[in-house]
Amino acid sequence: GGTRETCGFCDRSQDHERAGCAILGCSGDSVERHRCFACRNSLPFEPLLHPKHEIARAYGAELRIACLSIDRPWTYVVGPDGESARICRCVDAGSHAGEILQDLVFKL
């Protein structure tokens, strides 16, 4: 899910840029693990690394499951005023990047 979603944002990154959108991915993985992921998937954007999950905690997206260290795969669309315009909690990994782009073009 997460890799597919990330790759969707990578594939549409120029479209998002033309729409005035900055993509910030947030990863709770270690720096080394993320470095491997970024290299393998040719990410055109840098993630915000937070191995202690402080960003997810601040946004209410931290998922505490015994033996797992993952965050909920939520998306926050932040408007030009810096305020959260939309929170996407249930997404289809394959079409999510396009849906966000539609929001930017038609709703914000």
C-alpha atoms as a PDB file:
ATOM      1  CA  GLY A   1       0.000   0.000   0.000  1.00  0.00           C
ATOM      2  CA  GLY A   2       2.537   2.615   1.112  1.00  0.00           C
ATOM      3  CA  THR A   3       5.032   1.881  -1.654  1.00  0.00           C
ATOM      4  CA  ARG A   4       2.297   1.940  -4.301  1.00  0.00           C
ATOM      5  CA  GLU A   5       0.934   5.218  -2.945  1.00  0.00           C
ATOM      6  CA  THR A   6       4.397   6.799  -2.795  1.00  0.00           C
ATOM      7  CA  CYS A   7       5.124   5.735  -6.355  1.00  0.00           C
ATOM      8  CA  GLY A   8       1.811   7.306  -7.434  1.00  0.00           C
ATOM      9  CA  PHE A   9       2.942  10.626  -5.980  1.00  0.00           C
ATOM     10  CA  CYS A  10       6.331  10.193  -7.685  1.00  0.00           C
ATOM     11  CA  ASP A  11       4.674   9.551 -11.048  1.00  0.00           C
ATOM     12  CA  ARG A  12       2.483  12.654 -10.686  1.00  0.00           C
ATOM     13  CA  SER A  13       5.062  14.894  -8.977  1.00  0.00           C
ATOM     14  CA  GLN A  14       5.401  17.293 -11.937  1.00  0.00           C
ATOM     15  CA  ASP A  15       1.596  17.659 -12.112  1.00  0.00           C
ATOM     16  CA  HIS A  16       1.476  18.441  -8.404  1.00  0.00           C
ATOM     17  CA  GLU A  17       4.315  20.930  -8.775  1.00  0.00           C
ATOM     18  CA  ARG A  18       2.492  22.726 -11.623  1.00  0.00           C
ATOM     19  CA  ALA A  19      -0.574  22.941  -9.350  1.00  0.00           C
ATOM     20  CA  GLY A  20       1.576  24.661  -6.688  1.00  0.00           C
ATOM     21  CA  CYS A  21       1.701  21.653  -4.390  1.00  0.00           C
ATOM     22  CA  ALA A  22       4.722  20.640  -2.365  1.00  0.00           C
ATOM     23  CA  ILE A  23       4.744  16.938  -1.493  1.00  0.00           C
ATOM     24  CA  LEU A  24       6.129  16.046   1.910  1.00  0.00           C
ATOM     25  CA  GLY A  25       6.209  12.382   2.770  1.00  0.00           C
ATOM     26  CA  CYS A  26       6.554  11.381   6.382  1.00  0.00           C
ATOM     27  CA  SER A  27       8.375   8.180   7.296  1.00  0.00           C
ATOM     28  CA  GLY A  28       8.893   6.525  10.637  1.00  0.00           C
ATOM     29  CA  ASP A  29      11.571   4.259   9.172  1.00  0.00           C
ATOM     30  CA  SER A  30      15.222   4.585  10.090  1.00  0.00           C
ATOM     31  CA  VAL A  31      17.391   6.864   7.965  1.00  0.00           C
ATOM     32  CA  GLU A  32      19.208   3.883   6.430  1.00  0.00           C
ATOM     33  CA  ARG A  33      16.013   1.983   5.628  1.00  0.00           C
ATOM     34  CA  HIS A  34      14.494   5.061   4.027  1.00  0.00           C
ATOM     35  CA  ARG A  35      17.655   5.756   2.048  1.00  0.00           C
ATOM     36  CA  CYS A  36      17.341   2.276   0.496  1.00  0.00           C
ATOM     37  CA  PHE A  37      13.619   2.812  -0.222  1.00  0.00           C
ATOM     38  CA  ALA A  38      14.245   6.230  -1.807  1.00  0.00           C
ATOM     39  CA  CYS A  39      17.017   4.850  -4.007  1.00  0.00           C
ATOM     40  CA  ARG A  40      14.989   1.800  -5.068  1.00  0.00           C
ATOM     41  CA  ASN A  41      11.939   3.939  -5.972  1.00  0.00           C
ATOM     42  CA  SER A  42      13.696   7.094  -7.296  1.00  0.00           C
ATOM     43  CA  LEU A  43      11.778   9.469  -5.029  1.00  0.00           C
ATOM     44  CA  PRO A  44      11.689  13.048  -6.370  1.00  0.00           C
ATOM     45  CA  PHE A  45      11.004  14.444  -2.884  1.00  0.00           C
ATOM     46  CA  GLU A  46      12.608  14.140   0.522  1.00  0.00           C
ATOM     47  CA  PRO A  47      10.573  12.679   3.338  1.00  0.00           C
ATOM     48  CA  LEU A  48      10.323  14.075   6.806  1.00  0.00           C
ATOM     49  CA  LEU A  49      11.999  11.347   8.823  1.00  0.00           C
ATOM     50  CA  HIS A  50      10.713  10.837  12.326  1.00  0.00           C
ATOM     51  CA  PRO A  51      11.881   7.477  13.683  1.00  0.00           C
ATOM     52  CA  LYS A  52      10.329   8.300  17.077  1.00  0.00           C
ATOM     53  CA  HIS A  53       6.968   9.003  15.375  1.00  0.00           C
ATOM     54  CA  GLU A  54       6.690  12.518  16.773  1.00  0.00           C
ATOM     55  CA  ILE A  55       5.036  13.937  13.639  1.00  0.00           C
ATOM     56  CA  ALA A  56       2.463  11.146  13.463  1.00  0.00           C
ATOM     57  CA  ARG A  57       1.776  11.607  17.175  1.00  0.00           C
ATOM     58  CA  ALA A  58       1.249  15.353  16.705  1.00  0.00           C
ATOM     59  CA  TYR A  59      -1.279  14.719  13.906  1.00  0.00           C
ATOM     60  CA  GLY A  60      -3.037  11.838  15.653  1.00  0.00           C
ATOM     61  CA  ALA A  61      -1.798   9.297  13.103  1.00  0.00           C
ATOM     62  CA  GLU A  62       0.446   7.222  15.362  1.00  0.00           C
ATOM     63  CA  LEU A  63      -0.607   3.592  15.353  1.00  0.00           C
ATOM     64  CA  ARG A  64       0.439   1.602  18.391  1.00  0.00           C
ATOM     65  CA  ILE A  65       0.408  -2.127  17.755  1.00  0.00           C
ATOM     66  CA  ALA A  66       2.611  -4.436  19.785  1.00  0.00           C
ATOM     67  CA  CYS A  67       5.781  -5.387  17.877  1.00  0.00           C
ATOM     68  CA  LEU A  68       5.037  -2.982  15.005  1.00  0.00           C
ATOM     69  CA  SER A  69       6.311   0.522  14.558  1.00  0.00           C
ATOM     70  CA  ILE A  70       4.077   1.987  11.878  1.00  0.00           C
ATOM     71  CA  ASP A  71       1.901   5.052  11.428  1.00  0.00           C
ATOM     72  CA  ARG A  72      -1.518   5.343   9.868  1.00  0.00           C
ATOM     73  CA  PRO A  73      -1.228   6.153   6.137  1.00  0.00           C
ATOM     74  CA  TRP A  74      -3.136   9.416   6.321  1.00  0.00           C
ATOM     75  CA  THR A  75      -2.757  12.401   4.018  1.00  0.00           C
ATOM     76  CA  TYR A  76      -3.138  16.003   5.113  1.00  0.00           C
ATOM     77  CA  VAL A  77      -3.830  18.567   2.411  1.00  0.00           C
ATOM     78  CA  VAL A  78      -2.639  21.898   3.750  1.00  0.00           C
ATOM     79  CA  GLY A  79      -3.896  25.059   2.079  1.00  0.00           C
ATOM     80  CA  PRO A  80      -1.847  28.126   1.148  1.00  0.00           C
ATOM     81  CA  ASP A  81      -2.815  29.667   4.502  1.00  0.00           C
ATOM     82  CA  GLY A  82      -1.069  26.822   6.345  1.00  0.00           C
ATOM     83  CA  GLU A  83      -4.320  25.382   7.656  1.00  0.00           C
ATOM     84  CA  SER A  84      -5.400  21.795   7.070  1.00  0.00           C
ATOM     85  CA  ALA A  85      -7.953  21.828   4.241  1.00  0.00           C
ATOM     86  CA  ARG A  86      -8.610  18.085   4.125  1.00  0.00           C
ATOM     87  CA  ILE A  87      -7.603  14.913   5.943  1.00  0.00           C
ATOM     88  CA  CYS A  88      -7.692  11.693   3.910  1.00  0.00           C
ATOM     89  CA  ARG A  89      -7.969   8.678   6.202  1.00  0.00           C
ATOM     90  CA  CYS A  90      -9.184   5.972   3.805  1.00  0.00           C
ATOM     91  CA  VAL A  91      -7.446   6.017   0.467  1.00  0.00           C
ATOM     92  CA  ASP A  92      -6.910   3.799  -2.538  1.00  0.00           C
ATOM     93  CA  ALA A  93      -3.146   3.652  -2.936  1.00  0.00           C
ATOM     94  CA  GLY A  94      -3.350   3.440  -6.728  1.00  0.00           C
ATOM     95  CA  SER A  95      -5.516   6.518  -7.300  1.00  0.00           C
ATOM     96  CA  HIS A  96      -4.753   8.694  -4.279  1.00  0.00           C
ATOM     97  CA  ALA A  97      -2.180  10.989  -5.951  1.00  0.00           C
ATOM     98  CA  GLY A  98      -4.658  11.810  -8.713  1.00  0.00           C
ATOM     99  CA  GLU A  99      -7.442  12.493  -6.200  1.00  0.00           C
ATOM    100  CA  ILE A 100      -5.238  14.936  -4.295  1.00  0.00           C
ATOM    101  CA  LEU A 101      -4.353  16.656  -7.568  1.00  0.00           C
ATOM    102  CA  GLN A 102      -8.065  17.012  -8.374  1.00  0.00           C
ATOM    103  CA  ASP A 103      -8.630  18.560  -4.936  1.00  0.00           C
ATOM    104  CA  LEU A 104      -5.858  21.069  -5.579  1.00  0.00           C
ATOM    105  CA  VAL A 105      -7.106  22.051  -8.998  1.00  0.00           C
ATOM    106  CA  PHE A 106     -10.851  22.117  -8.323  1.00  0.00           C
ATOM    107  CA  LYS A 107     -11.418  22.692  -4.622  1.00  0.00           C
ATOM    108  CA  LEU A 108      -8.649  24.728  -3.030  1.00  0.00           C
END
